Amino acid sequence: MSVRYKLYQNTREGSEQYGLWYARAAADQVVDIKQISKEIEEKCTLTESDVRGVIIELLKQMKKHLCNGHRVWLEDFGSFKVGLRTSPAKSAKEFTASTNVKGVRVNFLPATHQGADKKRIINLLEGVKVQEQGTYQVDKSEKPEP
């Protein structure tokens, strides 16, 4: 089990990190509810359609609760809550939702636990390994031209 990464070079002119190399996780496939449902079906007595129905209903219930301003906590998975993108107002009295709230998003905070070394471990990523995706060529010694 490993996450593959691709290297990229910072080419933003004027950046303090200009020319430096970084890694980005490279997802090489997308897994959907149908595939996950089939995989769960193989591990239990529920049918694929039963599993899919439960997942779809979970999403509907999460949406209902998020739209009502609730935080949704799925044990050992994490919590979801609504976040806002706003513009500032000169005073609290001048702040209005119609003018200052520019957008909404879902914030996800994965569940964690403490490892033996006292470091926080994200449950969903426990045991993950990383390796470079070897399907591309990069000359790591070259700097981009200004």
Protein backbone atom coordinates (compact mmCIF):
# COMPACT_ATOMS: atom_id res chain seq x y z
CA MET A 1 0.00 0.00 0.00
CA SER A 2 1.66 3.23 -1.10
CA VAL A 3 0.87 6.72 -2.28
CA ARG A 4 2.75 7.71 -5.40
CA TYR A 5 4.08 11.19 -5.95
CA LYS A 6 5.31 13.31 -8.82
CA LEU A 7 7.97 15.96 -8.50
CA TYR A 8 7.31 19.52 -9.57
CA GLN A 9 9.45 22.62 -9.58
CA ASN A 10 8.38 25.99 -8.22
CA THR A 11 8.41 28.29 -11.24
CA ARG A 12 6.67 31.29 -9.64
CA GLU A 13 8.84 34.29 -10.36
CA GLY A 14 9.64 36.30 -7.24
CA SER A 15 8.98 33.37 -4.90
CA GLU A 16 11.60 32.66 -2.23
CA GLN A 17 11.29 28.99 -3.18
CA TYR A 18 11.77 29.64 -6.92
CA GLY A 19 13.52 26.72 -8.56
CA LEU A 20 13.09 24.33 -5.61
CA TRP A 21 11.54 20.90 -6.04
CA TYR A 22 8.47 19.53 -4.23
CA ALA A 23 6.36 16.39 -4.35
CA ARG A 24 2.63 16.16 -5.06
CA ALA A 25 0.52 13.09 -4.46
CA ALA A 26 -0.48 11.56 -7.79
CA ALA A 27 -3.85 9.77 -7.79
CA ASP A 28 -3.72 7.28 -10.63
CA GLN A 29 -7.34 6.14 -10.39
CA VAL A 30 -10.73 7.18 -9.03
CA VAL A 31 -12.80 4.83 -6.89
CA ASP A 32 -16.56 5.43 -6.77
CA ILE A 33 -19.40 4.33 -4.49
CA LYS A 34 -20.27 1.43 -6.81
CA GLN A 35 -16.77 -0.05 -6.60
CA ILE A 36 -16.53 0.46 -2.84
CA SER A 37 -19.97 -1.15 -2.43
CA LYS A 38 -18.82 -4.20 -4.40
CA GLU A 39 -15.69 -4.48 -2.26
CA ILE A 40 -17.71 -4.25 0.97
CA GLU A 41 -20.18 -6.85 -0.37
CA GLU A 42 -17.27 -9.31 -0.66
CA LYS A 43 -16.42 -8.81 3.03
CA CYS A 44 -19.91 -9.18 4.57
CA THR A 45 -23.39 -10.62 4.14
CA LEU A 46 -24.92 -7.46 2.65
CA THR A 47 -25.49 -7.18 -1.08
CA GLU A 48 -23.85 -4.48 -3.17
CA SER A 49 -27.18 -2.67 -3.52
CA ASP A 50 -27.75 -2.77 0.28
CA VAL A 51 -24.31 -1.29 0.91
CA ARG A 52 -24.80 1.33 -1.80
CA GLY A 53 -28.19 2.27 -0.34
CA VAL A 54 -26.67 2.76 3.10
CA ILE A 55 -23.86 4.94 1.71
CA ILE A 56 -26.31 7.06 -0.30
CA GLU A 57 -28.57 7.49 2.73
CA LEU A 58 -25.56 8.39 4.90
CA LEU A 59 -24.70 11.16 2.44
CA LYS A 60 -28.30 12.44 2.49
CA GLN A 61 -28.36 12.53 6.29
CA MET A 62 -24.96 14.22 6.44
CA LYS A 63 -26.19 16.88 4.02
CA LYS A 64 -29.29 17.49 6.12
CA HIS A 65 -27.26 17.94 9.29
CA LEU A 66 -24.55 20.07 7.66
CA CYS A 67 -27.21 22.34 6.14
CA ASN A 68 -28.62 22.79 9.65
CA GLY A 69 -25.22 23.88 10.97
CA HIS A 70 -24.41 20.64 12.79
CA ARG A 71 -21.01 19.01 12.95
CA VAL A 72 -21.14 15.40 11.74
CA TRP A 73 -18.77 13.03 13.58
CA LEU A 74 -18.20 9.58 12.08
CA GLU A 75 -16.32 7.62 14.69
CA ASP A 76 -12.82 6.50 13.61
CA PHE A 77 -13.32 8.37 10.32
CA GLY A 78 -13.50 12.05 11.22
CA SER A 79 -15.75 15.08 11.45
CA PHE A 80 -17.37 17.31 8.87
CA LYS A 81 -18.57 20.87 9.38
CA VAL A 82 -19.54 23.84 7.26
CA GLY A 83 -16.94 26.55 6.71
CA LEU A 84 -17.58 30.03 5.35
CA ARG A 85 -15.64 32.25 2.96
CA THR A 86 -16.36 35.85 3.89
CA SER A 87 -15.23 39.35 3.10
CA PRO A 88 -14.61 41.76 5.98
CA ALA A 89 -16.90 44.50 7.21
CA LYS A 90 -15.76 47.67 8.96
CA SER A 91 -17.93 46.81 11.97
CA ALA A 92 -20.08 43.98 13.28
CA LYS A 93 -23.15 46.13 12.66
CA GLU A 94 -22.24 46.47 8.95
CA PHE A 95 -21.71 42.73 8.45
CA THR A 96 -24.55 41.01 6.56
CA ALA A 97 -24.74 37.48 5.22
CA SER A 98 -25.99 38.65 1.83
CA THR A 99 -23.05 41.04 1.36
CA ASN A 100 -20.17 39.49 3.26
CA VAL A 101 -20.65 35.71 2.99
CA LYS A 102 -19.06 34.80 -0.34
CA GLY A 103 -19.27 31.03 -0.21
CA VAL A 104 -19.59 27.85 1.83
CA ARG A 105 -17.52 24.71 1.90
CA VAL A 106 -17.25 21.46 3.83
CA ASN A 107 -14.32 21.17 6.22
CA PHE A 108 -13.16 17.63 7.00
CA LEU A 109 -11.00 16.84 10.01
CA PRO A 110 -9.84 13.23 9.97
CA ALA A 111 -9.94 11.19 13.16
CA THR A 112 -6.56 10.72 14.80
CA HIS A 113 -4.95 8.77 17.60
CA GLN A 114 -1.67 9.04 19.42
CA GLY A 115 1.12 6.68 18.42
CA ALA A 116 3.68 5.11 20.73
CA ASP A 117 6.05 8.00 19.94
CA LYS A 118 3.37 10.49 21.11
CA LYS A 119 2.82 11.76 17.54
CA ARG A 120 -0.67 12.14 16.11
CA ILE A 121 -1.56 9.54 13.50
CA ILE A 122 -4.42 10.07 11.04
CA ASN A 123 -6.52 6.89 11.21
CA LEU A 124 -7.19 6.82 7.45
CA LEU A 125 -3.47 7.09 6.65
CA GLU A 126 -2.00 4.80 9.28
CA GLY A 127 0.68 2.65 7.66
CA VAL A 128 0.78 4.59 4.38
CA LYS A 129 4.05 4.51 2.45
CA VAL A 130 5.13 6.93 -0.29
CA GLN A 131 7.11 6.27 -3.43
CA GLU A 132 7.96 8.22 -6.54
CA GLN A 133 5.81 7.53 -9.56
CA GLY A 134 8.32 6.32 -12.10
CA THR A 135 6.43 7.07 -15.32
CA TYR A 136 7.94 10.46 -16.12
CA GLN A 137 11.35 12.05 -16.56
CA VAL A 138 12.56 15.00 -14.50
CA ASP A 139 16.03 16.50 -14.47
CA LYS A 140 16.26 17.40 -10.78
CA SER A 141 19.42 19.46 -11.23
CA GLU A 142 18.02 22.02 -13.69
CA LYS A 143 16.70 25.36 -12.46
CA PRO A 144 13.94 27.09 -14.40
CA GLU A 145 14.90 30.09 -16.47
CA PRO A 146 13.83 33.43 -14.89
